[in-house]
Protein backbone atom coordinates (compact mmCIF):
# COMPACT_ATOMS: atom_id res chain seq x y z
CA MET A 1 0.00 0.00 0.00
CA ASN A 2 1.21 3.49 -0.82
CA GLN A 3 2.39 4.84 2.52
CA SER A 4 1.20 8.41 2.04
CA LEU A 5 -2.26 7.17 1.12
CA LEU A 6 -2.21 4.77 4.04
CA LEU A 7 -1.22 7.46 6.50
CA THR A 8 -3.93 9.77 5.19
CA THR A 9 -6.56 7.04 5.54
CA LEU A 10 -5.43 6.00 8.99
CA THR A 11 -5.17 9.55 10.27
CA SER A 12 -8.75 10.16 9.19
CA CYS A 13 -9.91 7.00 10.92
CA LEU A 14 -8.06 7.98 14.07
CA LEU A 15 -9.79 11.34 14.16
CA CYS A 16 -13.24 10.06 13.32
CA SER A 17 -13.34 6.67 14.96
CA PRO A 18 -13.80 6.10 18.67
CA LEU A 19 -11.62 3.04 18.38
CA THR A 20 -7.86 2.75 18.64
CA ILE A 21 -6.17 2.51 15.26
CA ALA A 22 -2.87 0.68 15.00
CA ALA A 23 0.24 1.99 13.32
CA SER A 24 0.48 1.85 9.55
CA ALA A 25 2.94 -1.02 9.67
CA GLN A 26 0.32 -3.20 11.34
CA GLN A 27 -2.42 -2.05 8.96
CA ASP A 28 -0.42 -2.74 5.81
CA ARG A 29 -0.65 -6.51 6.06
CA GLY A 30 -0.29 -7.79 2.53
CA HIS A 31 -0.40 -11.49 3.36
CA GLN A 32 -3.42 -13.61 2.47
CA GLU A 33 -4.69 -13.99 6.02
CA ALA A 34 -5.19 -10.24 6.40
CA ARG A 35 -7.11 -10.03 3.11
CA ASP A 36 -9.34 -12.91 4.14
CA TYR A 37 -10.18 -11.30 7.48
CA THR A 38 -12.08 -8.34 6.09
CA TYR A 39 -15.82 -7.78 5.82
CA CYS A 40 -18.14 -5.27 4.22
CA ASN A 41 -21.64 -4.30 5.35
CA PRO A 42 -24.31 -5.39 4.86
CA ILE A 43 -23.19 -8.71 6.33
CA ASP A 44 -22.88 -11.37 3.63
CA LEU A 45 -25.69 -13.80 4.61
CA PRO A 46 -28.31 -15.86 2.74
CA TYR A 47 -31.14 -13.52 3.71
CA ARG A 48 -34.47 -15.33 3.60
CA PHE A 49 -37.45 -14.18 1.56
CA ALA A 50 -40.57 -13.18 3.49
CA ILE A 51 -43.00 -16.10 3.63
CA ASN A 52 -46.30 -14.29 2.99
CA ALA A 53 -45.29 -11.49 0.64
CA LYS A 54 -47.27 -10.38 -2.41
CA VAL A 55 -44.02 -9.09 -3.92
CA PRO A 56 -41.04 -11.20 -2.75
CA TRP A 57 -38.49 -9.40 -0.60
CA ARG A 58 -35.75 -10.43 1.82
CA GLU A 59 -35.20 -9.47 5.41
CA ALA A 60 -33.25 -10.01 8.59
CA ALA A 61 -33.34 -7.53 11.45
CA ASP A 62 -33.58 -7.05 15.23
CA PRO A 63 -30.44 -9.16 15.80
CA THR A 64 -29.23 -10.72 19.04
CA VAL A 65 -25.74 -12.23 19.28
CA VAL A 66 -24.58 -14.36 22.21
CA LEU A 67 -21.43 -16.40 22.81
CA PHE A 68 -21.97 -20.08 23.62
CA HIS A 69 -19.31 -22.80 23.71
CA GLY A 70 -16.80 -20.64 21.87
CA GLU A 71 -19.10 -19.70 18.99
CA TYR A 72 -21.21 -16.69 18.08
CA TRP A 73 -24.94 -17.39 17.80
CA LEU A 74 -26.93 -14.86 15.76
CA PHE A 75 -30.72 -14.70 16.17
CA PRO A 76 -32.42 -12.31 13.69
CA SER A 77 -36.13 -11.82 13.04
CA LYS A 78 -37.97 -13.77 10.37
CA THR A 79 -35.23 -16.12 9.20
CA GLY A 80 -36.79 -19.49 10.03
CA GLY A 81 -33.88 -20.16 12.35
CA TYR A 82 -30.53 -18.63 13.23
CA PHE A 83 -26.81 -18.62 12.39
CA HIS A 84 -23.57 -19.52 14.15
CA SER A 85 -19.94 -18.67 13.45
CA LYS A 86 -16.50 -19.03 14.99
CA ASP A 87 -15.05 -15.88 13.42
CA LEU A 88 -17.99 -13.51 12.58
CA LEU A 89 -17.23 -14.04 8.89
CA GLN A 90 -18.39 -17.52 7.90
CA TRP A 91 -21.93 -18.21 9.12
CA SER A 92 -23.82 -21.52 9.14
CA PHE A 93 -27.61 -21.61 9.19
CA VAL A 94 -29.66 -23.72 11.60
CA GLU A 95 -33.31 -24.31 10.84
CA ALA A 96 -35.25 -24.06 14.11
CA LEU A 97 -37.79 -26.44 15.60
CA GLY A 98 -39.87 -26.18 18.74
CA TYR A 99 -40.22 -22.40 19.11
CA SER A 100 -42.04 -19.58 17.31
CA ALA A 101 -39.33 -18.85 14.78
CA GLU A 102 -41.65 -16.57 12.79
CA ASN A 103 -42.03 -14.00 15.58
CA TYR A 104 -40.20 -10.70 15.42
CA ALA A 105 -37.44 -9.61 17.80
CA PRO A 106 -35.92 -12.80 19.23
CA THR A 107 -33.75 -12.36 22.32
CA ALA A 108 -31.36 -14.98 23.65
CA LEU A 109 -29.52 -15.43 26.93
CA VAL A 110 -26.84 -17.88 28.06
CA MET A 111 -27.55 -19.08 31.59
CA ASP A 112 -26.59 -22.26 33.48
CA ASN A 113 -24.80 -23.64 30.40
CA LYS A 114 -27.95 -23.41 28.30
CA VAL A 115 -29.37 -20.94 25.80
CA TYR A 116 -32.76 -19.41 26.58
CA LEU A 117 -34.81 -17.64 23.92
CA THR A 118 -38.02 -15.66 23.67
CA SER A 119 -39.54 -13.22 21.18
CA GLY A 120 -42.10 -10.48 20.65
CA GLU A 121 -45.46 -10.31 18.84
CA GLY A 122 -47.60 -11.35 21.79
CA ASN A 123 -45.52 -14.39 22.68
CA THR A 124 -45.49 -15.44 26.36
CA LYS A 125 -43.24 -18.50 26.06
CA LEU A 126 -39.57 -18.99 26.96
CA TRP A 127 -37.65 -21.76 25.21
CA VAL A 128 -34.38 -23.48 26.08
CA THR A 129 -31.72 -25.73 24.55
CA ASP A 130 -28.32 -27.06 25.56
CA ASP A 131 -27.50 -27.83 21.91
CA PRO A 132 -28.43 -24.92 19.62
CA ALA A 133 -26.67 -26.61 16.70
CA SER A 134 -29.43 -29.22 16.71
CA GLY A 135 -32.09 -26.56 16.11
CA LYS A 136 -34.32 -28.23 18.72
CA TRP A 137 -35.87 -26.21 21.54
CA THR A 138 -38.28 -27.01 24.35
CA ILE A 139 -40.54 -24.81 26.46
CA ALA A 140 -38.82 -23.68 29.65
CA ALA A 141 -41.61 -21.50 31.03
CA ASP A 142 -44.60 -19.31 30.32
CA PHE A 143 -44.13 -15.73 31.54
CA GLY A 144 -47.86 -15.24 31.79
CA ILE A 145 -47.46 -11.85 30.08
CA ALA A 146 -46.17 -10.81 26.66
CA PHE A 147 -43.17 -8.58 26.04
CA GLY A 148 -42.67 -6.35 22.99
CA ASP A 149 -39.17 -6.30 21.46
CA PRO A 150 -37.86 -8.12 24.55
CA ASP A 151 -34.33 -8.24 25.92
CA LEU A 152 -33.32 -10.75 28.58
CA PHE A 153 -30.51 -9.58 30.85
CA LEU A 154 -28.73 -11.60 33.54
CA ASP A 155 -26.95 -9.37 36.04
CA ASP A 156 -23.64 -10.39 37.59
CA ASP A 157 -25.41 -10.90 40.93
CA GLY A 158 -27.55 -13.62 39.33
CA ARG A 159 -30.78 -11.62 39.12
CA LEU A 160 -32.76 -11.77 35.89
CA TYR A 161 -34.45 -8.86 34.09
CA MET A 162 -36.52 -8.26 30.99
CA TYR A 163 -36.41 -4.91 29.16
CA ASP A 164 -39.05 -4.31 26.53
CA GLY A 165 -41.24 -1.83 24.67
CA VAL A 166 -42.32 -1.34 21.06
CA ASP A 167 -44.80 1.46 20.60
CA ASP A 168 -45.36 4.96 19.23
CA LYS A 169 -46.95 6.09 22.51
CA THR A 170 -46.02 4.10 25.62
CA PRO A 171 -42.61 4.05 27.33
CA LEU A 172 -40.05 1.31 27.70
CA ARG A 173 -40.26 -0.81 30.82
CA VAL A 174 -38.16 -3.15 32.97
CA THR A 175 -39.41 -6.31 34.68
CA GLU A 176 -37.47 -8.34 37.23
CA LEU A 177 -38.14 -12.05 36.78
CA ASN A 178 -37.78 -14.94 39.18
CA ARG A 179 -34.78 -16.84 37.89
CA LYS A 180 -36.34 -20.25 38.58
CA THR A 181 -40.00 -19.69 37.68
CA PHE A 182 -39.52 -16.76 35.25
CA GLN A 183 -42.54 -15.00 36.73
CA LYS A 184 -42.72 -11.26 37.35
CA ILE A 185 -41.33 -9.98 40.64
CA ARG A 186 -41.61 -6.23 40.01
CA GLN A 187 -41.94 -3.86 37.07
CA ALA A 188 -41.22 -0.20 36.31
CA GLU A 189 -41.71 2.16 33.38
CA ILE A 190 -38.75 3.97 31.78
CA PRO A 191 -40.15 7.26 30.44
CA GLN A 192 -36.68 8.68 29.66
CA GLY A 193 -36.68 6.68 26.41
CA ARG A 194 -38.79 9.20 24.50
CA SER A 195 -38.50 12.95 23.89
CA GLU A 196 -39.10 13.88 20.27
CA ALA A 197 -39.48 17.55 21.19
CA THR A 198 -35.82 17.74 22.23
CA ARG A 199 -34.16 14.92 20.22
CA GLY A 200 -33.96 15.47 16.49
CA TRP A 201 -32.83 11.91 15.74
CA GLU A 202 -36.10 10.57 17.18
CA ILE A 203 -38.13 12.39 14.51
CA SER A 204 -39.47 10.12 11.74
CA GLY A 205 -38.30 10.31 8.13
CA ASP A 206 -35.18 9.54 6.12
CA LYS A 207 -34.00 13.05 6.96
CA SER A 208 -35.80 13.41 10.31
CA ASP A 209 -38.35 15.45 8.38
CA GLN A 210 -41.69 13.72 8.97
CA PRO A 211 -42.81 14.77 12.47
CA GLU A 212 -46.40 13.93 11.57
CA ILE A 213 -45.45 10.24 11.80
CA PRO A 214 -45.14 9.24 15.47
CA ALA A 215 -41.75 7.79 16.37
CA TRP A 216 -41.55 4.18 17.50
CA ILE A 217 -39.39 3.63 20.57
CA GLU A 218 -38.32 -0.01 20.60
CA GLY A 219 -35.50 -2.53 20.44
CA SER A 220 -34.21 -2.60 24.02
CA TRP A 221 -30.74 -3.97 24.79
CA MET A 222 -28.86 -3.89 28.09
CA ASN A 223 -25.13 -4.01 28.85
CA LYS A 224 -23.44 -3.55 32.20
CA HIS A 225 -19.96 -2.04 32.21
CA ASP A 226 -17.89 -0.89 35.20
CA GLY A 227 -20.94 -0.82 37.43
CA THR A 228 -23.10 1.23 35.05
CA TYR A 229 -26.17 -0.11 33.25
CA TYR A 230 -26.46 0.97 29.60
CA LEU A 231 -30.01 0.57 28.29
CA GLN A 232 -30.04 0.96 24.52
CA PHE A 233 -33.19 1.68 22.51
CA ALA A 234 -34.06 2.32 18.87
CA ALA A 235 -35.96 5.14 17.11
CA PRO A 236 -37.75 6.48 15.06
CA GLY A 237 -38.72 3.51 12.85
CA THR A 238 -37.02 0.61 11.12
CA GLN A 239 -37.99 1.81 7.62
CA PHE A 240 -36.05 5.08 7.91
CA LYS A 241 -32.42 5.78 7.06
CA THR A 242 -32.22 7.57 10.41
CA TYR A 243 -33.03 4.42 12.39
CA GLY A 244 -30.48 4.45 15.20
CA ASP A 245 -29.86 3.62 18.84
CA GLY A 246 -29.84 5.93 21.83
CA VAL A 247 -28.73 5.00 25.33
CA LEU A 248 -29.90 5.57 28.90
CA THR A 249 -27.66 4.94 31.91
CA SER A 250 -28.28 4.05 35.54
CA LYS A 251 -26.55 2.60 38.58
CA ASP A 252 -29.54 0.33 39.20
CA PRO A 253 -31.04 -2.15 36.69
CA MET A 254 -34.55 -0.96 37.62
CA GLY A 255 -33.62 2.72 37.15
CA PRO A 256 -34.19 5.59 37.28
CA PHE A 257 -32.33 6.13 34.03
CA THR A 258 -30.64 9.21 32.59
CA TYR A 259 -30.53 10.01 28.87
CA ALA A 260 -26.99 10.12 27.46
CA PRO A 261 -26.67 13.48 25.66
CA TYR A 262 -24.29 12.03 23.05
CA SER A 263 -27.12 9.81 21.74
CA PRO A 264 -27.65 8.41 19.23
CA PHE A 265 -24.55 6.31 19.83
CA SER A 266 -25.27 4.13 16.78
CA PHE A 267 -26.29 6.14 13.71
CA LYS A 268 -25.77 5.78 9.95
CA PRO A 269 -28.17 8.03 8.01
CA THR A 270 -26.19 8.11 4.74
CA GLY A 271 -24.09 5.88 2.48
CA PHE A 272 -24.81 2.90 0.26
CA ILE A 273 -27.02 1.32 2.92
CA SER A 274 -28.28 3.24 5.94
CA GLY A 275 -29.67 2.52 9.36
CA ALA A 276 -28.03 1.19 12.52
CA GLY A 277 -30.85 0.59 14.97
CA HIS A 278 -32.48 -2.21 17.01
CA SER A 279 -29.21 -3.86 17.80
CA SER A 280 -27.24 -5.88 20.28
CA THR A 281 -23.88 -4.88 21.73
CA PHE A 282 -21.79 -7.92 22.59
CA ALA A 283 -18.29 -8.78 23.75
CA ALA A 284 -16.30 -10.89 21.30
CA LEU A 285 -13.96 -13.74 22.16
CA ASP A 286 -11.16 -11.18 22.49
CA LYS A 287 -13.33 -9.22 25.01
CA ARG A 288 -13.76 -6.24 22.68
CA TYR A 289 -17.25 -5.10 21.73
CA TRP A 290 -19.25 -5.26 18.53
CA HIS A 291 -22.60 -3.71 17.69
CA ILE A 292 -24.82 -5.63 15.26
CA ALA A 293 -27.73 -3.62 13.89
CA SER A 294 -30.70 -3.50 11.51
CA MET A 295 -30.08 -1.68 8.21
CA SER A 296 -32.83 -0.36 5.96
CA ILE A 297 -33.69 -1.04 2.32
CA SER A 298 -37.46 -0.65 2.79
CA ARG A 299 -38.31 -0.39 -0.86
CA ARG A 300 -40.51 -3.40 -1.62
CA HIS A 301 -41.74 -3.43 2.00
CA PRO A 302 -40.94 -1.29 5.08
CA PHE A 303 -39.38 -4.37 6.70
CA GLU A 304 -37.02 -5.13 3.80
CA ARG A 305 -33.78 -5.07 5.78
CA ARG A 306 -30.22 -6.33 6.20
CA LEU A 307 -27.75 -6.61 9.09
CA GLY A 308 -24.68 -4.47 9.76
CA LEU A 309 -21.72 -5.14 12.05
CA PHE A 310 -19.84 -2.21 13.61
CA PRO A 311 -16.95 -1.93 16.12
CA ALA A 312 -18.02 -0.55 19.48
CA GLU A 313 -16.49 0.27 22.84
CA PHE A 314 -17.00 1.81 26.24
CA THR A 315 -14.59 4.73 26.61
CA HIS A 316 -12.56 5.59 29.70
CA HIS A 317 -15.11 8.32 30.40
CA GLY A 318 -18.02 5.88 30.30
CA GLN A 319 -19.34 6.75 26.85
CA LEU A 320 -20.76 3.94 24.70
CA VAL A 321 -19.75 4.52 21.08
CA THR A 322 -20.20 2.72 17.76
CA ASP A 323 -17.98 3.29 14.73
CA THR A 324 -20.17 3.75 11.63
CA TYR A 325 -17.70 5.95 9.69
CA LEU A 326 -17.78 4.63 6.09
CA GLY A 327 -19.52 1.71 7.74
CA ASP A 328 -20.30 -0.01 4.42
CA TYR A 329 -16.67 0.04 3.22
CA PRO A 330 -14.29 -2.91 3.87
CA HIS A 331 -13.09 -3.23 7.47
CA TYR A 332 -10.81 -5.66 9.25
CA ILE A 333 -12.73 -8.15 11.37
CA SER A 334 -9.75 -8.71 13.68
CA GLY A 335 -6.73 -6.71 14.81
CA ASN A 336 -7.59 -3.01 15.02
CA ARG A 337 -10.96 -3.50 13.19
CA SER A 338 -10.31 -0.31 11.20
CA LEU A 339 -11.01 0.60 7.61
CA VAL A 340 -8.83 -1.50 5.32
CA GLY A 341 -8.02 1.55 3.22
CA TRP A 342 -9.65 0.30 0.01
CA MET A 343 -11.61 3.18 -1.47
CA LEU A 344 -14.76 2.95 -3.55
CA LEU A 345 -13.93 3.17 -7.28
CA SER A 346 -17.34 2.55 -8.82
CA ARG A 347 -19.67 5.40 -7.87
CA ARG A 348 -21.22 7.17 -10.90
CA LYS A 349 -18.89 5.39 -13.31
CA PRO A 350 -20.17 4.86 -16.89
CA VAL A 351 -21.99 1.56 -17.43
CA THR A 352 -23.55 -0.35 -20.30
CA ALA A 353 -25.66 -3.47 -20.20
CA SER A 354 -27.01 -6.25 -22.37
CA SER A 355 -30.55 -4.97 -21.74
CA ALA A 356 -32.53 -2.93 -19.23
CA MET A 357 -36.07 -2.84 -17.92
CA GLU A 358 -37.90 0.46 -17.98
CA GLY A 359 -37.23 2.27 -14.71
CA HIS A 360 -34.18 0.13 -13.95
CA SER A 361 -31.48 1.60 -16.19
CA PRO A 362 -27.80 0.55 -15.96
CA GLU A 363 -26.56 3.67 -14.13
CA LEU A 364 -28.62 2.62 -11.11
CA ALA A 365 -26.03 -0.11 -10.53
CA THR A 366 -23.38 2.53 -9.79
CA ASP A 367 -25.32 5.19 -7.89
CA GLU A 368 -24.23 3.96 -4.43
CA ASP A 369 -27.82 3.47 -3.30
CA VAL A 370 -29.16 0.09 -2.21
CA ARG A 371 -32.72 1.34 -2.77
CA THR A 372 -32.38 1.54 -6.57
CA TRP A 373 -31.31 -1.16 -9.01
CA TRP A 374 -30.55 -2.03 -12.60
CA SER A 375 -32.37 -4.98 -14.06
CA ALA A 376 -31.86 -6.81 -17.32
CA LYS A 377 -34.98 -7.78 -19.20
CA SER A 378 -34.41 -11.44 -18.39
CA GLY A 379 -32.55 -13.82 -16.13
CA ASP A 380 -31.12 -15.67 -19.09
CA PRO A 381 -27.48 -16.74 -19.29
CA GLY A 382 -25.42 -14.11 -21.07
CA GLU A 383 -27.09 -10.99 -19.65
CA TRP A 384 -24.30 -8.64 -18.56
CA LEU A 385 -23.35 -5.30 -17.04
CA GLN A 386 -20.07 -3.54 -17.92
CA MET A 387 -18.43 -0.67 -16.03
CA ASP A 388 -15.68 1.73 -17.10
CA LEU A 389 -13.55 2.97 -14.18
CA GLU A 390 -12.27 5.66 -16.63
CA SER A 391 -8.61 4.78 -15.98
CA GLU A 392 -6.65 1.75 -14.91
CA LYS A 393 -6.79 1.23 -11.16
CA THR A 394 -5.74 -1.25 -8.51
CA ILE A 395 -8.71 -3.45 -7.63
CA GLU A 396 -8.84 -5.29 -4.31
CA ALA A 397 -12.44 -6.43 -3.75
CA PHE A 398 -16.01 -6.38 -5.04
CA GLN A 399 -19.42 -6.31 -3.45
CA ILE A 400 -22.05 -7.67 -5.83
CA ASN A 401 -25.48 -6.68 -4.54
CA PHE A 402 -28.16 -8.67 -6.31
CA ALA A 403 -31.64 -7.11 -6.46
CA ASP A 404 -33.87 -10.19 -7.07
CA GLU A 405 -36.02 -8.29 -9.58
CA GLY A 406 -39.00 -10.45 -10.56
CA SER A 407 -38.19 -13.23 -8.10
CA SER A 408 -41.04 -15.61 -7.28
CA GLN A 409 -39.47 -17.03 -4.12
CA LEU A 410 -41.10 -17.10 -0.70
CA GLY A 411 -39.28 -18.40 2.39
CA LEU A 412 -36.02 -20.33 2.29
CA THR A 413 -34.44 -21.13 -1.06
CA ASN A 414 -32.01 -23.74 -2.30
CA ASP A 415 -31.42 -21.88 -5.57
CA VAL A 416 -28.20 -19.88 -6.00
CA TYR A 417 -26.63 -17.03 -7.97
CA ARG A 418 -24.11 -18.14 -10.58
CA TYR A 419 -22.07 -15.53 -12.41
CA VAL A 420 -18.61 -14.65 -13.72
CA LEU A 421 -16.92 -11.32 -13.03
CA GLU A 422 -14.13 -10.24 -15.37
CA VAL A 423 -11.56 -7.43 -15.49
CA SER A 424 -9.88 -5.86 -18.51
CA SER A 425 -7.47 -3.04 -19.25
CA ASP A 426 -8.70 -2.44 -22.82
CA SER A 427 -12.25 -3.91 -22.93
CA HIS A 428 -11.03 -6.54 -25.43
CA THR A 429 -8.90 -8.95 -23.43
CA TRP A 430 -10.57 -10.13 -20.24
CA HIS A 431 -9.44 -12.21 -17.30
CA ILE A 432 -11.72 -13.80 -14.73
CA ALA A 433 -11.50 -12.23 -11.28
CA VAL A 434 -14.45 -14.01 -9.61
CA ASN A 435 -15.74 -17.29 -10.96
CA HIS A 436 -19.04 -18.61 -9.67
CA GLU A 437 -20.03 -20.33 -12.89
CA LYS A 438 -20.54 -23.67 -11.13
CA ASP A 439 -20.24 -23.05 -7.37
CA GLY A 440 -22.78 -20.31 -6.78
CA ARG A 441 -24.55 -19.61 -3.48
CA ASP A 442 -27.48 -17.66 -2.11
CA GLY A 443 -25.73 -14.43 -1.15
CA PRO A 444 -27.55 -11.26 -2.24
CA ASP A 445 -24.77 -9.03 -0.82
CA ASP A 446 -21.83 -11.06 -2.09
CA TYR A 447 -18.50 -9.67 -0.80
CA GLU A 448 -15.55 -11.00 -2.83
CA VAL A 449 -11.94 -10.23 -1.88
CA LEU A 450 -9.43 -10.99 -4.62
CA PRO A 451 -6.54 -13.33 -3.70
CA LEU A 452 -4.16 -10.59 -4.87
CA PRO A 453 -4.70 -7.04 -6.14
CA THR A 454 -5.29 -6.73 -9.87
CA ARG A 455 -5.00 -3.84 -12.30
CA GLY A 456 -7.85 -2.99 -14.61
CA ARG A 457 -10.10 -0.34 -16.06
CA TYR A 458 -13.17 -2.28 -17.20
CA ILE A 459 -15.37 -4.56 -15.09
CA ARG A 460 -17.90 -6.96 -16.56
CA VAL A 461 -20.26 -9.26 -14.72
CA ARG A 462 -21.96 -11.98 -16.76
CA ASN A 463 -25.02 -13.91 -15.69
CA ILE A 464 -24.88 -17.70 -15.67
CA HIS A 465 -28.01 -18.32 -13.60
CA SER A 466 -30.39 -15.99 -11.77
CA PRO A 467 -32.16 -17.91 -8.98
CA ASN A 468 -35.85 -18.22 -8.18
CA GLY A 469 -37.05 -16.97 -11.55
CA ALA A 470 -35.50 -13.52 -11.04
CA LYS A 471 -34.10 -11.30 -13.73
CA PHE A 472 -30.38 -10.55 -13.62
CA SER A 473 -30.38 -7.39 -11.50
CA LEU A 474 -27.99 -5.44 -9.30
CA SER A 475 -28.65 -2.69 -6.78
CA ASP A 476 -24.94 -1.89 -7.05
CA LEU A 477 -21.76 -3.42 -8.35
CA ARG A 478 -19.29 -1.92 -5.88
CA VAL A 479 -15.57 -1.95 -6.68
CA PHE A 480 -12.97 -1.30 -3.96
CA GLY A 481 -9.29 -0.54 -4.38
CA ARG A 482 -7.04 2.43 -5.08
CA GLY A 483 -7.11 5.06 -7.77
CA SER A 484 -4.17 7.12 -8.99
CA LEU A 485 -5.69 10.43 -7.92
CA ALA A 486 -3.95 12.23 -5.05
CA PRO A 487 -6.03 12.64 -1.89
CA PRO A 488 -8.14 15.80 -1.83
CA GLU A 489 -7.13 19.08 -0.27
CA LYS A 490 -8.07 19.68 3.35
CA VAL A 491 -11.43 21.36 3.85
CA SER A 492 -11.36 24.95 5.07
CA GLY A 493 -13.83 27.70 5.90
CA ILE A 494 -16.18 25.63 8.06
CA GLU A 495 -19.04 27.69 9.48
CA VAL A 496 -21.95 26.54 11.61
CA ARG A 497 -25.31 28.03 12.54
CA ARG A 498 -27.77 26.50 14.96
CA ASP A 499 -31.42 27.14 14.24
CA PRO A 500 -32.51 29.69 16.87
CA ASN A 501 -36.08 28.39 16.66
CA ASP A 502 -35.25 24.68 16.87
CA GLY A 503 -32.16 23.52 18.75
CA ARG A 504 -32.42 20.10 17.11
CA HIS A 505 -31.21 21.62 13.82
CA ALA A 506 -27.95 23.20 12.67
CA THR A 507 -26.45 24.06 9.28
CA VAL A 508 -22.80 23.46 8.41
CA THR A 509 -21.11 25.06 5.39
CA TRP A 510 -17.53 24.81 4.09
CA LYS A 511 -15.41 25.76 1.12
CA LEU A 512 -14.96 23.50 -1.88
CA SER A 513 -12.00 21.12 -1.54
CA GLN A 514 -9.90 20.47 -4.63
CA ARG A 515 -10.19 16.86 -5.89
CA ALA A 516 -12.88 15.94 -3.36
CA GLU A 517 -15.41 13.42 -4.63
CA PHE A 518 -17.52 13.75 -1.49
CA TYR A 519 -17.37 14.94 2.10
CA ILE A 520 -18.00 13.41 5.49
CA VAL A 521 -19.36 15.78 8.13
CA ARG A 522 -18.34 14.45 11.55
CA LEU A 523 -19.78 15.68 14.82
CA GLY A 524 -20.19 14.73 18.45
CA ALA A 525 -21.13 16.03 21.87
CA ASN A 526 -17.55 15.22 22.92
CA SER A 527 -14.92 17.13 20.92
CA LYS A 528 -12.62 14.08 21.06
CA LYS A 529 -15.31 11.62 20.00
CA LEU A 530 -16.91 12.80 16.77
CA THR A 531 -18.97 9.64 16.46
CA LEU A 532 -21.85 10.89 14.25
CA ASN A 533 -21.33 11.35 10.52
CA TYR A 534 -23.11 12.33 7.29
CA GLN A 535 -21.80 11.73 3.76
CA VAL A 536 -22.41 14.66 1.38
CA TYR A 537 -22.15 14.08 -2.39
CA ASP A 538 -22.19 15.76 -5.79
CA GLY A 539 -20.37 18.99 -5.05
CA ALA A 540 -22.59 20.12 -2.17
CA THR A 541 -20.77 22.16 0.48
CA THR A 542 -23.60 22.61 2.96
CA LEU A 543 -25.52 20.26 5.22
CA MET A 544 -28.54 20.81 7.44
CA ILE A 545 -28.13 18.46 10.40
CA PRO A 546 -31.55 17.54 11.89
CA SER A 547 -30.43 14.99 14.50
CA LEU A 548 -29.19 17.12 17.41
CA ASN A 549 -30.28 17.13 21.04
CA SER A 550 -31.58 20.52 22.12
CA GLY A 551 -29.39 22.25 24.69
CA VAL A 552 -26.32 20.14 23.88
CA SER A 553 -23.18 21.69 22.33
CA TYR A 554 -21.46 19.81 19.52
CA SER A 555 -18.10 19.84 17.77
CA VAL A 556 -18.02 19.41 14.00
CA THR A 557 -15.45 19.05 11.23
CA VAL A 558 -15.55 17.99 7.57
CA ASP A 559 -13.34 15.37 5.88
CA ALA A 560 -12.76 15.28 2.13
CA VAL A 561 -12.73 11.93 0.31
CA ASN A 562 -11.85 10.61 -3.13
CA GLU A 563 -10.49 7.41 -4.69
CA GLY A 564 -7.01 8.34 -3.51
CA GLY A 565 -7.90 8.48 0.17
CA ILE A 566 -9.30 10.59 2.98
CA LYS A 567 -8.09 14.03 4.03
CA PRO A 568 -9.06 14.66 7.68
CA GLY A 569 -10.84 17.89 8.40
CA PRO A 570 -9.46 20.85 10.34
CA PRO A 571 -9.84 21.22 14.12
CA PRO A 572 -13.52 21.01 15.09
CA VAL A 573 -15.82 24.03 15.17
CA THR A 574 -18.36 24.32 17.99
CA ILE A 575 -22.12 24.23 17.49
CA ARG A 576 -23.65 26.01 20.47
């Protein structure tokens, strides 16, 4: 890796990320193991089709992850089962028997060397297994009451609690349960989980701009760290790009709780795929934390969703933070868990195709938006999409996001995508970079890291087989690597203005940066932890931020980004 580019990228990550970034020598690991241990959101899973849909669509959301017998066990909504993995990269599916696998919001808990599980949607049952790999569960108890978007939490003193709530009116609540009978001991409301009048991020809409739609407060999750209880909750609705997680803290699991003014602590309102709400925060095998969240597509149905995995930590000052900066670019899964340094090469690049449906033209496969897609007129072998990167570049990885246009599938599928992806320097002589002609799989967000970097200008993906009767269609063909362009100039002239009539809003402006392809506005209630970010495209040098907490001061800066790297912004400016 070019060391100046690497330093630029790492410096930006250090300034924007709440996590510790290692020295460039550690980051620049060219051996195969390092390349293999990268991931790119959304998580590459065989997302199941909804079982009762009029128009087929895929989903997984509301995830819980627990560690059991040295493996990660992932329980998402509406998957017909769950997944397990030893490394957070390769996941195996288990079809579930014996519990209501079709209910939303499963929550799992490891207790007494067993896994306990319950769910929302009016369910009152608790199930248990000592062998989750078998997929077989039995009833452990009946709570006698139902919990909405439940979260089971076992305190270190052995006492058991349930946090729940999923409503546009009523507050969250906490219930202490008898550990042996699982019946209610006591219960309390948690009204601090809702305040749309003072919290811009709780306002509905992709841009927090639909206050007429009541916000849903939901998705409880509890962690205890250094004697403090961190109750996490989601708002304003799973269908919005602004879906994120706030946090309340207390010294007692029953409360009272205090709203953390740096909320939302998990937030991704822009980028290829947005949303980072209704999540679980879990300690990995190496004791460091991850945050796994629901991400929004919400085009064919409001609940059309994917899962995202983000590094997280509790800071020395007790702040819970999640790193969503360029959160759908390649990251290391181990080591420092930082950005790999591979930049996006494909946005707005010229494309041609074998054919195109009306309303699904080829350029929609390079617009860096999961909610739009190109579709060929058929799913026949030989349909293709070709991209021109406009100059020869170093290519490291691809993310091939299939759109399932015209699919007839409902529920689980055994059909797979088969395709060939080729690279060329002259559009005449091609070499195969990714070959799934015979060994395809069901992976709609297929992340493919090349064994070694390759040079090329033209990319072509050819259909061999589109599964489930679908047409050959892509929401985006994303290409990651390094361009020859020098990193952009540092942004200057940042000015901020808070709306005097609405403290939830502020406007940031800055001067145009030479060679910038886009900008990342970073802000936070802590000047040393600028954990919130917005990506700003297409030459815009102003952003209205609608997600602030009234009465809270913020620090803000603006990074400039292009295919050559990231130029960190100047020292932060204060929003008062």
